[in-house]
Protein backbone atom coordinates (compact mmCIF):
# COMPACT_ATOMS: atom_id res chain seq x y z
CA MET A 1 53.41 65.03 43.00
CA SER A 2 49.90 65.48 41.70
CA SER A 3 47.87 62.57 40.36
CA ILE A 4 45.94 62.70 37.09
CA LEU A 5 43.11 60.41 35.97
CA ILE A 6 42.67 60.02 32.20
CA VAL A 7 39.26 58.75 31.07
CA GLU A 8 39.57 58.07 27.35
CA ASP A 9 38.69 55.16 25.05
CA GLU A 10 41.38 55.72 22.40
CA GLU A 11 44.29 53.51 23.38
CA ASN A 12 46.88 55.44 21.37
CA LEU A 13 45.81 58.73 22.91
CA ILE A 14 45.85 57.26 26.41
CA ALA A 15 49.39 56.01 25.86
CA THR A 16 50.53 59.38 24.53
CA LEU A 17 48.92 61.34 27.35
CA LYS A 18 50.21 58.96 30.02
CA TYR A 19 53.75 59.11 28.66
CA ASN A 20 53.86 62.90 28.52
CA LEU A 21 52.19 63.45 31.89
CA GLU A 22 54.50 60.99 33.60
CA ARG A 23 57.48 62.78 32.03
CA GLU A 24 56.21 65.90 33.81
CA GLY A 25 56.30 63.99 37.09
CA TYR A 26 52.58 63.28 37.51
CA THR A 27 51.18 60.00 38.77
CA VAL A 28 48.74 58.79 36.11
CA ARG A 29 45.72 56.50 36.34
CA THR A 30 43.64 55.54 33.31
CA ALA A 31 40.15 54.28 32.48
CA MET A 32 38.67 53.38 29.11
CA ASP A 33 34.95 53.86 29.74
CA GLY A 34 32.75 56.17 31.78
CA GLU A 35 31.75 53.66 34.45
CA GLU A 36 35.36 52.65 35.11
CA GLY A 37 36.39 56.28 35.12
CA LEU A 38 33.79 57.21 37.71
CA GLU A 39 34.74 54.26 39.93
CA THR A 40 38.45 55.08 39.62
CA ALA A 41 37.87 58.74 40.46
CA ARG A 42 35.90 57.80 43.55
CA ARG A 43 38.52 55.29 44.67
CA GLU A 44 41.75 57.11 43.79
CA LYS A 45 40.62 60.71 44.41
CA PRO A 46 42.94 62.23 41.76
CA ASP A 47 44.05 65.85 41.80
CA ALA A 48 42.66 66.40 38.28
CA VAL A 49 40.66 64.50 35.67
CA ILE A 50 41.10 64.54 31.89
CA LEU A 51 37.72 63.40 30.61
CA ASP A 52 36.70 62.56 27.06
CA VAL A 53 33.12 63.38 26.03
CA MET A 54 32.51 60.35 23.81
CA LEU A 55 32.90 57.29 26.04
CA PRO A 56 31.31 53.83 26.13
CA LYS A 57 28.91 52.79 28.92
CA LEU A 58 28.66 56.30 30.40
CA ASP A 59 29.49 59.42 28.40
CA GLY A 60 31.75 62.18 29.63
CA PHE A 61 28.88 64.57 30.35
CA ALA A 62 27.27 62.06 32.72
CA VAL A 63 30.60 61.34 34.43
CA CYS A 64 31.23 65.08 34.85
CA ARG A 65 27.79 65.65 36.32
CA LEU A 66 28.14 62.80 38.82
CA LEU A 67 31.68 63.75 39.81
CA ARG A 68 30.73 67.38 40.35
CA ARG A 69 28.00 66.35 42.79
CA GLU A 70 30.62 64.64 44.94
CA SER A 71 33.87 66.51 44.41
CA THR A 72 35.54 69.78 43.44
CA VAL A 73 38.28 67.97 41.50
CA PRO A 74 39.38 70.02 38.44
CA ILE A 75 37.99 68.52 35.22
CA LEU A 76 39.41 69.09 31.74
CA MET A 77 37.01 67.81 29.09
CA LEU A 78 38.13 66.60 25.67
CA THR A 79 35.78 66.84 22.70
CA ALA A 80 36.33 65.78 19.10
CA LYS A 81 33.46 67.84 17.77
CA GLY A 82 34.56 71.35 18.65
CA GLU A 83 30.96 72.54 18.60
CA GLU A 84 29.96 75.33 20.94
CA VAL A 85 27.06 73.30 22.35
CA ASP A 86 29.49 70.65 23.64
CA ARG A 87 31.65 73.24 25.35
CA VAL A 88 28.68 74.99 26.93
CA VAL A 89 27.13 71.75 28.16
CA GLY A 90 30.44 70.68 29.68
CA LEU A 91 30.84 73.99 31.49
CA GLU A 92 27.25 73.94 32.70
CA LEU A 93 27.81 70.48 34.18
CA GLY A 94 30.79 71.81 36.13
CA ALA A 95 33.84 71.19 33.95
CA ASP A 96 36.67 73.63 34.59
CA ASP A 97 38.10 73.69 31.08
CA TYR A 98 37.74 72.04 27.68
CA LEU A 99 40.05 71.17 24.82
CA THR A 100 39.08 70.24 21.26
CA LYS A 101 40.74 67.33 19.47
CA PRO A 102 43.18 67.34 17.81
CA PHE A 103 45.27 69.35 20.25
CA GLY A 104 48.95 70.00 20.90
CA MET A 105 50.54 68.26 23.86
CA ARG A 106 52.17 71.47 25.08
CA GLU A 107 48.76 73.13 25.29
CA LEU A 108 47.24 70.22 27.19
CA LEU A 109 50.11 70.18 29.67
CA ALA A 110 49.78 73.94 30.15
CA ARG A 111 46.07 73.59 30.86
CA VAL A 112 46.64 70.79 33.34
CA ARG A 113 49.26 72.87 35.16
CA ALA A 114 46.86 75.83 35.25
CA LEU A 115 44.03 73.71 36.66
CA LEU A 116 46.24 72.26 39.37
CA ARG A 117 47.72 75.65 40.25
CA ARG A 118 44.28 77.26 40.65
CA SER A 119 43.08 74.31 42.70
CA GLN A 120 46.09 74.55 45.02
CA VAL A 121 45.70 78.29 45.45
CA ALA A 122 42.04 77.81 46.37
CA LYS A 123 42.92 75.14 48.95
CA GLU A 124 45.62 77.30 50.52
CA ALA A 125 43.29 80.29 50.65
CA SER A 126 40.59 78.27 52.39
CA LEU A 127 43.11 77.17 55.04
CA THR A 128 44.20 80.72 55.80
CA VAL A 129 40.76 82.26 56.17
CA GLY A 130 40.01 83.00 59.79
CA ALA A 131 37.11 81.37 61.58
CA GLY A 132 33.76 83.05 61.33
CA GLN A 133 34.58 85.29 58.37
CA SER A 134 31.62 85.88 56.10
CA ILE A 135 30.14 88.42 53.70
CA THR A 136 26.48 89.32 54.00
CA SER A 137 24.01 91.28 51.93
CA GLY A 138 20.51 91.27 53.35
CA ASP A 139 19.36 87.66 53.60
CA LEU A 140 22.31 86.40 51.54
CA GLU A 141 25.48 85.21 53.30
CA ALA A 142 28.73 83.78 51.94
CA ASP A 143 30.67 81.97 54.68
CA LEU A 144 34.34 82.04 53.69
CA THR A 145 35.35 79.48 56.30
CA LYS A 146 32.80 76.85 55.31
CA HIS A 147 32.93 77.80 51.62
CA ALA A 148 29.12 77.89 51.70
CA VAL A 149 26.34 80.28 50.72
CA SER A 150 22.99 80.58 52.45
CA LEU A 151 19.85 82.45 51.49
CA ARG A 152 17.32 83.19 54.23
CA GLY A 153 19.15 80.61 56.36
CA ALA A 154 18.97 77.82 53.80
CA VAL A 155 22.29 76.53 52.43
CA LEU A 156 22.50 76.65 48.64
CA ASP A 157 24.09 74.04 46.39
CA MET A 158 27.05 76.00 45.04
CA LYS A 159 29.81 74.93 42.64
CA PRO A 160 33.36 76.11 43.51
CA ARG A 161 33.56 78.67 40.68
CA GLU A 162 30.06 79.96 41.50
CA PHE A 163 31.16 80.55 45.08
CA ASP A 164 34.35 82.32 44.05
CA LEU A 165 32.46 84.52 41.58
CA LEU A 166 29.79 85.44 44.12
CA VAL A 167 32.41 86.31 46.76
CA LEU A 168 34.23 88.53 44.28
CA LEU A 169 31.05 90.43 43.42
CA MET A 170 29.74 90.64 46.99
CA SER A 171 33.12 91.88 48.22
CA ASN A 172 32.99 94.73 45.72
CA LYS A 173 29.40 95.90 45.95
CA SER A 174 28.36 98.38 43.24
CA ARG A 175 31.67 97.95 41.41
CA ALA A 176 31.37 96.93 37.76
CA PHE A 177 33.65 94.15 36.54
CA THR A 178 34.28 93.33 32.91
CA ARG A 179 34.10 89.69 31.90
CA ASP A 180 37.86 89.65 31.35
CA GLN A 181 38.47 91.04 34.84
CA ILE A 182 36.23 88.35 36.31
CA LEU A 183 38.00 85.64 34.32
CA GLU A 184 41.38 86.82 35.57
CA ARG A 185 40.34 87.06 39.22
CA VAL A 186 38.21 83.92 39.46
CA TRP A 187 39.66 81.58 36.83
CA GLY A 188 43.21 82.94 36.77
CA HIS A 189 45.24 84.85 34.20
CA ASP A 190 46.21 81.61 32.44
CA TRP A 191 42.61 80.53 31.76
CA PHE A 192 42.23 79.36 28.15
CA GLY A 193 38.44 79.61 27.83
CA ASP A 194 36.31 82.51 26.68
CA ALA A 195 34.18 85.18 28.33
CA ARG A 196 30.95 83.25 27.84
CA THR A 197 32.05 81.12 30.77
CA VAL A 198 31.29 84.12 33.00
CA ASP A 199 27.80 84.50 31.54
CA VAL A 200 27.03 80.83 32.23
CA HIS A 201 28.11 81.11 35.86
CA VAL A 202 26.21 84.36 36.37
CA ARG A 203 23.08 82.66 35.04
CA TRP A 204 23.55 79.80 37.51
CA LEU A 205 23.99 82.24 40.39
CA ARG A 206 20.90 84.21 39.44
CA GLU A 207 18.84 81.03 39.41
CA LYS A 208 19.90 80.42 43.01
CA ILE A 209 19.94 83.86 44.64
CA GLU A 210 17.47 86.00 42.69
CA ALA A 211 13.74 86.09 43.44
CA ASP A 212 13.17 86.46 39.69
CA PRO A 213 16.24 85.38 37.69
CA SER A 214 14.86 86.96 34.52
CA ASN A 215 14.71 90.34 36.29
CA PRO A 216 17.74 90.27 38.60
CA THR A 217 18.15 92.80 41.38
CA ARG A 218 21.33 91.43 42.97
CA ILE A 219 23.68 90.71 40.05
CA ILE A 220 23.14 93.44 37.48
CA THR A 221 24.23 93.30 33.85
CA ILE A 222 26.13 96.36 32.66
CA ARG A 223 25.63 96.33 28.90
CA GLY A 224 28.87 96.36 26.98
CA VAL A 225 30.86 95.99 30.18
CA GLY A 226 30.01 93.08 32.45
CA TYR A 227 28.38 92.75 35.87
CA ARG A 228 28.09 94.36 39.27
CA PHE A 229 26.54 93.29 42.58
CA GLU A 230 23.83 95.48 44.13
CA GLY A 231 22.69 93.14 46.89
């Protein structure tokens, strides 16, 4: 069964989360500060991380940033503030989802299941892709086997969702996708976030693959609709 790491400094909440997750059959590890959480994640290699924003020693944003440099583990961030800036920062650092305190346990469990399901689907897909398969557009190449993107021969640093989004767009050149369509295809139909997640990831991609990100020629914005790839 999947393993979950909870990084949270509220003892009562840790106990509640651990109890409910273990009832669902998950193996649960816990940490009460950011440094311990980072060390535990590196040592235990959990299948998903539930990560509070406000933590002693090292805050959740820093832990998320460091984890994302090393791993594609799904990260669900918890924030007590509920402010948009916290959600956006978490997503920009590579979190997969966020949940504002206070929250219902059924919703948290549903989000954890969704994260794990998407992660498993991605792993299975990567195993079934044949060797040497890639998508190219001029000097841009997405290697489906290596799960890597290169521009003019140089490999780009690419987060998992960025890669999936780019592959979707490159595979459907000149086709316009709405934000909701992108969310469903890349994040899954059970994604709980909002459409601004797509805008954040498009901005990241443009910064990496466009000669001038402020005047993109590859990923084009279709006002009132969404985006399309022109290569």
